[in-house]
Structure formats: structure tokens, C-alpha cells
């Protein structure tokens, strides 16, 4: 999960992503940030995030992102 926090912090500084919840829902990251996050996650973890995963609940916290990554790695 540290790598996810590192990626998020690179997109938007000054946010405590380890404690943040509702990252996508509260628009802490905008749509361009989310697109960059998806690309970075796909590259870092060798996964493909399909449209079915494009839901705020998958991007609202570091733990939600980590759960999505683990699920995609198992496919």
C-alpha cells in the first residue's frame, strides 16, 4: 500500500492519503488525476483496470484501491 500512497502523493501533494476517505467522491482528485492514477496503477502493478472498476468506491481510499489492485492481480 505504500506504493499507492506514493503514487497518490505524486498526483496531489499536501493530502494525507493514508487517512483520507472519499478521495474520489469528495473530488480530492479530479478526473485528470484519476486518469493519471489509473495509468500509474496499471504500469506499477501490471494490471488492466477495466470499465467495470470505474466506480468511486474503488478509488475512495488507499485500502479500496489496494483491494481493487489485489483483485485484478488475481485475474
PDB file of N, CA and C in Angstrom:
ATOM      1  N   UNK A   1       0.817  -1.204   0.000  1.00  0.00           N
ATOM      2  CA  UNK A   1       0.000   0.000   0.000  1.00  0.00           C
ATOM      3  C   UNK A   1       0.853   1.257   0.000  1.00  0.00           C
ATOM      4  N   UNK A   2       2.085   1.142   0.431  1.00  0.00           N
ATOM      5  CA  UNK A   2       2.975   2.310   0.428  1.00  0.00           C
ATOM      6  C   UNK A   2       3.162   2.865  -0.974  1.00  0.00           C
ATOM      7  N   UNK A   3       3.249   1.986  -1.951  1.00  0.00           N
ATOM      8  CA  UNK A   3       3.432   2.431  -3.337  1.00  0.00           C
ATOM      9  C   UNK A   3       2.209   3.221  -3.803  1.00  0.00           C
ATOM     10  N   UNK A   4       1.025   2.800  -3.382  1.00  0.00           N
ATOM     11  CA  UNK A   4      -0.196   3.518  -3.753  1.00  0.00           C
ATOM     12  C   UNK A   4      -0.180   4.918  -3.147  1.00  0.00           C
ATOM     13  N   UNK A   5       0.217   5.021  -1.883  1.00  0.00           N
ATOM     14  CA  UNK A   5       0.314   6.333  -1.238  1.00  0.00           C
ATOM     15  C   UNK A   5       1.339   7.201  -1.955  1.00  0.00           C
ATOM     16  N   UNK A   6       2.452   6.593  -2.357  1.00  0.00           N
ATOM     17  CA  UNK A   6       3.485   7.328  -3.097  1.00  0.00           C
ATOM     18  C   UNK A   6       2.938   7.861  -4.424  1.00  0.00           C
ATOM     19  N   UNK A   7       2.194   7.027  -5.141  1.00  0.00           N
ATOM     20  CA  UNK A   7       1.604   7.447  -6.422  1.00  0.00           C
ATOM     21  C   UNK A   7       0.613   8.585  -6.191  1.00  0.00           C
ATOM     22  N   UNK A   8      -0.275   8.428  -5.206  1.00  0.00           N
ATOM     23  CA  UNK A   8      -1.269   9.459  -4.905  1.00  0.00           C
ATOM     24  C   UNK A   8      -0.609  10.769  -4.509  1.00  0.00           C
ATOM     25  N   UNK A   9       0.427  10.692  -3.683  1.00  0.00           N
ATOM     26  CA  UNK A   9       1.124  11.896  -3.240  1.00  0.00           C
ATOM     27  C   UNK A   9       1.815  12.602  -4.396  1.00  0.00           C
ATOM     28  N   UNK A  10       2.240  11.834  -5.388  1.00  0.00           N
ATOM     29  CA  UNK A  10       2.833  12.428  -6.580  1.00  0.00           C
ATOM     30  C   UNK A  10       1.815  13.165  -7.431  1.00  0.00           C
ATOM     31  N   UNK A  11       0.563  12.757  -7.333  1.00  0.00           N
ATOM     32  CA  UNK A  11      -0.502  13.410  -8.087  1.00  0.00           C
ATOM     33  C   UNK A  11      -0.990  14.678  -7.400  1.00  0.00           C
ATOM     34  N   UNK A  12      -1.042  14.638  -6.071  1.00  0.00           N
ATOM     35  CA  UNK A  12      -1.590  15.767  -5.312  1.00  0.00           C
ATOM     36  C   UNK A  12      -0.872  15.836  -3.977  1.00  0.00           C
ATOM     37  N   UNK A  13      -0.031  16.835  -3.818  1.00  0.00           N
ATOM     38  CA  UNK A  13       0.718  16.975  -2.563  1.00  0.00           C
ATOM     39  C   UNK A  13      -0.158  17.644  -1.510  1.00  0.00           C
ATOM     40  N   UNK A  14       0.241  17.485  -0.261  1.00  0.00           N
ATOM     41  CA  UNK A  14      -0.453  18.150   0.826  1.00  0.00           C
ATOM     42  C   UNK A  14      -1.684  17.423   1.342  1.00  0.00           C
ATOM     43  N   UNK A  15      -1.914  16.198   0.864  1.00  0.00           N
ATOM     44  CA  UNK A  15      -3.062  15.417   1.323  1.00  0.00           C
ATOM     45  C   UNK A  15      -2.530  14.192   2.054  1.00  0.00           C
ATOM     46  N   UNK A  16      -3.112  13.901   3.226  1.00  0.00           N
ATOM     47  CA  UNK A  16      -2.740  12.706   3.972  1.00  0.00           C
ATOM     48  C   UNK A  16      -3.558  11.541   3.431  1.00  0.00           C
ATOM     49  N   UNK A  17      -3.057  10.931   2.373  1.00  0.00           N
ATOM     50  CA  UNK A  17      -3.805   9.865   1.715  1.00  0.00           C
ATOM     51  C   UNK A  17      -3.940   8.615   2.580  1.00  0.00           C
ATOM     52  N   UNK A  18      -3.034   8.429   3.536  1.00  0.00           N
ATOM     53  CA  UNK A  18      -3.141   7.248   4.388  1.00  0.00           C
ATOM     54  C   UNK A  18      -4.389   7.307   5.266  1.00  0.00           C
ATOM     55  N   UNK A  19      -4.891   8.494   5.542  1.00  0.00           N
ATOM     56  CA  UNK A  19      -6.089   8.663   6.373  1.00  0.00           C
ATOM     57  C   UNK A  19      -7.308   9.104   5.562  1.00  0.00           C
ATOM     58  N   UNK A  20      -7.096   9.517   4.326  1.00  0.00           N
ATOM     59  CA  UNK A  20      -8.187  10.069   3.513  1.00  0.00           C
ATOM     60  C   UNK A  20      -9.180   8.992   3.109  1.00  0.00           C
ATOM     61  N   UNK A  21     -10.435   9.355   3.219  1.00  0.00           N
ATOM     62  CA  UNK A  21     -11.514   8.523   2.719  1.00  0.00           C
ATOM     63  C   UNK A  21     -12.353   9.413   1.814  1.00  0.00           C
ATOM     64  N   UNK A  22     -13.032   8.805   0.877  1.00  0.00           N
ATOM     65  CA  UNK A  22     -13.855   9.564  -0.069  1.00  0.00           C
ATOM     66  C   UNK A  22     -12.984  10.421  -1.006  1.00  0.00           C
ATOM     67  N   UNK A  23     -11.836   9.876  -1.370  1.00  0.00           N
ATOM     68  CA  UNK A  23     -10.901  10.585  -2.248  1.00  0.00           C
ATOM     69  C   UNK A  23     -11.575  10.974  -3.564  1.00  0.00           C
ATOM     70  N   UNK A  24     -12.250  10.033  -4.182  1.00  0.00           N
ATOM     71  CA  UNK A  24     -12.920  10.310  -5.456  1.00  0.00           C
ATOM     72  C   UNK A  24     -14.256  11.002  -5.230  1.00  0.00           C
ATOM     73  N   UNK A  25     -15.033  10.518  -4.272  1.00  0.00           N
ATOM     74  CA  UNK A  25     -16.368  11.072  -4.015  1.00  0.00           C
ATOM     75  C   UNK A  25     -16.307  12.551  -3.670  1.00  0.00           C
ATOM     76  N   UNK A  26     -15.351  12.940  -2.834  1.00  0.00           N
ATOM     77  CA  UNK A  26     -15.217  14.340  -2.435  1.00  0.00           C
ATOM     78  C   UNK A  26     -14.342  15.149  -3.389  1.00  0.00           C
ATOM     79  N   UNK A  27     -13.960  14.527  -4.503  1.00  0.00           N
ATOM     80  CA  UNK A  27     -13.180  15.186  -5.558  1.00  0.00           C
ATOM     81  C   UNK A  27     -11.840  15.747  -5.064  1.00  0.00           C
ATOM     82  N   UNK A  28     -11.220  15.009  -4.117  1.00  0.00           N
ATOM     83  CA  UNK A  28      -9.852  15.361  -3.716  1.00  0.00           C
ATOM     84  C   UNK A  28      -8.945  15.224  -4.937  1.00  0.00           C
ATOM     85  N   UNK A  29      -9.227  14.211  -5.754  1.00  0.00           N
ATOM     86  CA  UNK A  29      -8.586  14.062  -7.060  1.00  0.00           C
ATOM     87  C   UNK A  29      -9.631  14.355  -8.124  1.00  0.00           C
ATOM     88  N   UNK A  30      -9.262  15.153  -9.114  1.00  0.00           N
ATOM     89  CA  UNK A  30     -10.202  15.418 -10.202  1.00  0.00           C
ATOM     90  C   UNK A  30     -10.092  14.319 -11.259  1.00  0.00           C
ATOM     91  N   UNK A  31     -10.871  14.433 -12.313  1.00  0.00           N
ATOM     92  CA  UNK A  31     -10.915  13.364 -13.321  1.00  0.00           C
ATOM     93  C   UNK A  31      -9.570  13.160 -14.011  1.00  0.00           C
ATOM     94  N   UNK A  32      -8.814  14.212 -14.202  1.00  0.00           N
ATOM     95  CA  UNK A  32      -7.489  14.085 -14.817  1.00  0.00           C
ATOM     96  C   UNK A  32      -6.550  13.347 -13.860  1.00  0.00           C
ATOM     97  N   UNK A  33      -6.639  13.671 -12.564  1.00  0.00           N
ATOM     98  CA  UNK A  33      -5.834  12.963 -11.557  1.00  0.00           C
ATOM     99  C   UNK A  33      -6.191  11.478 -11.530  1.00  0.00           C
ATOM    100  N   UNK A  34      -7.480  11.169 -11.591  1.00  0.00           N
ATOM    101  CA  UNK A  34      -7.927   9.771 -11.571  1.00  0.00           C
ATOM    102  C   UNK A  34      -7.394   9.032 -12.793  1.00  0.00           C
ATOM    103  N   UNK A  35      -7.437   9.678 -13.955  1.00  0.00           N
ATOM    104  CA  UNK A  35      -6.903   9.055 -15.176  1.00  0.00           C
ATOM    105  C   UNK A  35      -5.408   8.786 -15.024  1.00  0.00           C
ATOM    106  N   UNK A  36      -4.684   9.731 -14.442  1.00  0.00           N
ATOM    107  CA  UNK A  36      -3.250   9.539 -14.203  1.00  0.00           C
ATOM    108  C   UNK A  36      -3.009   8.433 -13.185  1.00  0.00           C
ATOM    109  N   UNK A  37      -3.849   8.374 -12.160  1.00  0.00           N
ATOM    110  CA  UNK A  37      -3.746   7.322 -11.151  1.00  0.00           C
ATOM    111  C   UNK A  37      -3.941   5.947 -11.781  1.00  0.00           C
ATOM    112  N   UNK A  38      -4.944   5.830 -12.629  1.00  0.00           N
ATOM    113  CA  UNK A  38      -5.225   4.550 -13.294  1.00  0.00           C
ATOM    114  C   UNK A  38      -4.022   4.106 -14.120  1.00  0.00           C
ATOM    115  N   UNK A  39      -3.467   5.008 -14.887  1.00  0.00           N
ATOM    116  CA  UNK A  39      -2.296   4.689 -15.702  1.00  0.00           C
ATOM    117  C   UNK A  39      -1.125   4.255 -14.824  1.00  0.00           C
ATOM    118  N   UNK A  40      -0.888   4.992 -13.744  1.00  0.00           N
ATOM    119  CA  UNK A  40       0.222   4.662 -12.844  1.00  0.00           C
ATOM    120  C   UNK A  40       0.004   3.305 -12.175  1.00  0.00           C
ATOM    121  N   UNK A  41      -1.218   3.013 -11.753  1.00  0.00           N
ATOM    122  CA  UNK A  41      -1.512   1.723 -11.131  1.00  0.00           C
ATOM    123  C   UNK A  41      -1.328   0.580 -12.123  1.00  0.00           C
ATOM    124  N   UNK A  42      -1.808   0.784 -13.337  1.00  0.00           N
ATOM    125  CA  UNK A  42      -1.665  -0.252 -14.363  1.00  0.00           C
ATOM    126  C   UNK A  42      -0.198  -0.532 -14.650  1.00  0.00           C
ATOM    127  N   UNK A  43       0.602   0.513 -14.734  1.00  0.00           N
ATOM    128  CA  UNK A  43       2.033   0.348 -15.010  1.00  0.00           C
ATOM    129  C   UNK A  43       2.766  -0.289 -13.829  1.00  0.00           C
ATOM    130  N   UNK A  44       2.488   0.197 -12.637  1.00  0.00           N
ATOM    131  CA  UNK A  44       3.200  -0.267 -11.444  1.00  0.00           C
ATOM    132  C   UNK A  44       2.868  -1.714 -11.083  1.00  0.00           C
ATOM    133  N   UNK A  45       1.602  -2.081 -11.207  1.00  0.00           N
ATOM    134  CA  UNK A  45       1.169  -3.397 -10.743  1.00  0.00           C
ATOM    135  C   UNK A  45       0.871  -4.378 -11.872  1.00  0.00           C
ATOM    136  N   UNK A  46       1.134  -3.966 -13.115  1.00  0.00           N
ATOM    137  CA  UNK A  46       0.924  -4.820 -14.287  1.00  0.00           C
ATOM    138  C   UNK A  46      -0.502  -5.380 -14.313  1.00  0.00           C
ATOM    139  N   UNK A  47      -1.462  -4.448 -14.231  1.00  0.00           N
ATOM    140  CA  UNK A  47      -2.873  -4.801 -14.269  1.00  0.00           C
ATOM    141  C   UNK A  47      -3.565  -3.972 -15.332  1.00  0.00           C
ATOM    142  N   UNK A  48      -4.805  -4.327 -15.643  1.00  0.00           N
ATOM    143  CA  UNK A  48      -5.632  -3.520 -16.528  1.00  0.00           C
ATOM    144  C   UNK A  48      -6.928  -3.225 -15.784  1.00  0.00           C
ATOM    145  N   UNK A  49      -7.195  -1.949 -15.579  1.00  0.00           N
ATOM    146  CA  UNK A  49      -8.403  -1.533 -14.867  1.00  0.00           C
ATOM    147  C   UNK A  49      -9.487  -1.282 -15.909  1.00  0.00           C
ATOM    148  N   UNK A  50     -10.424  -2.214 -15.985  1.00  0.00           N
ATOM    149  CA  UNK A  50     -11.493  -2.125 -16.991  1.00  0.00           C
ATOM    150  C   UNK A  50     -12.620  -1.216 -16.505  1.00  0.00           C
ATOM    151  N   UNK A  51     -13.545  -0.941 -17.390  1.00  0.00           N
ATOM    152  CA  UNK A  51     -14.660  -0.040 -17.088  1.00  0.00           C
ATOM    153  C   UNK A  51     -15.464  -0.506 -15.880  1.00  0.00           C
ATOM    154  N   UNK A  52     -15.574  -1.802 -15.665  1.00  0.00           N
ATOM    155  CA  UNK A  52     -16.373  -2.288 -14.537  1.00  0.00           C
ATOM    156  C   UNK A  52     -15.811  -1.837 -13.186  1.00  0.00           C
ATOM    157  N   UNK A  53     -14.548  -1.443 -13.151  1.00  0.00           N
ATOM    158  CA  UNK A  53     -13.921  -0.982 -11.917  1.00  0.00           C
ATOM    159  C   UNK A  53     -13.947   0.538 -11.780  1.00  0.00           C
ATOM    160  N   UNK A  54     -14.471   1.228 -12.782  1.00  0.00           N
ATOM    161  CA  UNK A  54     -14.508   2.690 -12.770  1.00  0.00           C
ATOM    162  C   UNK A  54     -15.683   3.177 -11.917  1.00  0.00           C
ATOM    163  N   UNK A  55     -15.526   3.015 -10.628  1.00  0.00           N
ATOM    164  CA  UNK A  55     -16.548   3.387  -9.662  1.00  0.00           C
ATOM    165  C   UNK A  55     -15.849   4.101  -8.510  1.00  0.00           C
ATOM    166  N   UNK A  56     -16.439   5.173  -8.028  1.00  0.00           N
ATOM    167  CA  UNK A  56     -15.806   5.931  -6.934  1.00  0.00           C
ATOM    168  C   UNK A  56     -15.413   5.050  -5.761  1.00  0.00           C
ATOM    169  N   UNK A  57     -16.211   4.019  -5.467  1.00  0.00           N
ATOM    170  CA  UNK A  57     -15.916   3.184  -4.302  1.00  0.00           C
ATOM    171  C   UNK A  57     -14.553   2.513  -4.417  1.00  0.00           C
ATOM    172  N   UNK A  58     -14.086   2.279  -5.639  1.00  0.00           N
ATOM    173  CA  UNK A  58     -12.779   1.651  -5.838  1.00  0.00           C
ATOM    174  C   UNK A  58     -11.621   2.640  -5.703  1.00  0.00           C
ATOM    175  N   UNK A  59     -11.931   3.926  -5.661  1.00  0.00           N
ATOM    176  CA  UNK A  59     -10.892   4.963  -5.629  1.00  0.00           C
ATOM    177  C   UNK A  59     -11.033   5.910  -4.436  1.00  0.00           C
ATOM    178  N   UNK A  60     -11.875   5.543  -3.464  1.00  0.00           N
ATOM    179  CA  UNK A  60     -12.153   6.457  -2.355  1.00  0.00           C
ATOM    180  C   UNK A  60     -11.156   6.394  -1.209  1.00  0.00           C
ATOM    181  N   UNK A  61     -10.347   5.369  -1.143  1.00  0.00           N
ATOM    182  CA  UNK A  61      -9.342   5.282  -0.073  1.00  0.00           C
ATOM    183  C   UNK A  61      -8.187   4.412  -0.560  1.00  0.00           C
ATOM    184  N   UNK A  62      -7.077   4.516   0.130  1.00  0.00           N
ATOM    185  CA  UNK A  62      -5.919   3.693  -0.213  1.00  0.00           C
ATOM    186  C   UNK A  62      -6.281   2.219  -0.080  1.00  0.00           C
ATOM    187  N   UNK A  63      -7.014   1.871   0.966  1.00  0.00           N
ATOM    188  CA  UNK A  63      -7.371   0.460   1.150  1.00  0.00           C
ATOM    189  C   UNK A  63      -8.302  -0.032   0.052  1.00  0.00           C
ATOM    190  N   UNK A  64      -9.233   0.809  -0.414  1.00  0.00           N
ATOM    191  CA  UNK A  64     -10.120   0.419  -1.516  1.00  0.00           C
ATOM    192  C   UNK A  64      -9.324   0.218  -2.811  1.00  0.00           C
ATOM    193  N   UNK A  65      -8.381   1.110  -3.058  1.00  0.00           N
ATOM    194  CA  UNK A  65      -7.535   0.982  -4.246  1.00  0.00           C
ATOM    195  C   UNK A  65      -6.713  -0.299  -4.147  1.00  0.00           C
ATOM    196  N   UNK A  66      -6.138  -0.566  -2.970  1.00  0.00           N
ATOM    197  CA  UNK A  66      -5.330  -1.760  -2.765  1.00  0.00           C
ATOM    198  C   UNK A  66      -6.164  -3.029  -2.984  1.00  0.00           C
ATOM    199  N   UNK A  67      -7.385  -3.057  -2.472  1.00  0.00           N
ATOM    200  CA  UNK A  67      -8.258  -4.219  -2.669  1.00  0.00           C
ATOM    201  C   UNK A  67      -8.548  -4.447  -4.148  1.00  0.00           C
ATOM    202  N   UNK A  68      -8.787  -3.354  -4.882  1.00  0.00           N
ATOM    203  CA  UNK A  68      -9.032  -3.462  -6.315  1.00  0.00           C
ATOM    204  C   UNK A  68      -7.786  -4.007  -7.024  1.00  0.00           C
ATOM    205  N   UNK A  69      -6.620  -3.490  -6.688  1.00  0.00           N
ATOM    206  CA  UNK A  69      -5.368  -3.957  -7.299  1.00  0.00           C
ATOM    207  C   UNK A  69      -5.165  -5.441  -7.042  1.00  0.00           C
ATOM    208  N   UNK A  70      -5.361  -5.863  -5.781  1.00  0.00           N
ATOM    209  CA  UNK A  70      -5.177  -7.295  -5.457  1.00  0.00           C
ATOM    210  C   UNK A  70      -6.140  -8.164  -6.243  1.00  0.00           C
ATOM    211  N   UNK A  71      -7.380  -7.722  -6.355  1.00  0.00           N
ATOM    212  CA  UNK A  71      -8.374  -8.477  -7.110  1.00  0.00           C
ATOM    213  C   UNK A  71      -7.974  -8.599  -8.579  1.00  0.00           C
ATOM    214  N   UNK A  72      -7.500  -7.509  -9.144  1.00  0.00           N
ATOM    215  CA  UNK A  72      -7.095  -7.527 -10.553  1.00  0.00           C
ATOM    216  C   UNK A  72      -5.840  -8.354 -10.777  1.00  0.00           C
ATOM    217  N   UNK A  73      -4.962  -8.406  -9.809  1.00  0.00           N
ATOM    218  CA  UNK A  73      -3.759  -9.223  -9.936  1.00  0.00           C
ATOM    219  C   UNK A  73      -4.081 -10.714  -9.922  1.00  0.00           C
ATOM    220  N   UNK A  74      -5.189 -11.074  -9.316  1.00  0.00           N
ATOM    221  CA  UNK A  74      -5.587 -12.479  -9.235  1.00  0.00           C
ATOM    222  C   UNK A  74      -6.242 -12.974 -10.516  1.00  0.00           C
ATOM    223  N   UNK A  75      -6.667 -12.051 -11.354  1.00  0.00           N
ATOM    224  CA  UNK A  75      -7.359 -12.444 -12.589  1.00  0.00           C
ATOM    225  C   UNK A  75      -6.400 -13.053 -13.588  1.00  0.00           C
TER     226      UNK A  75
END
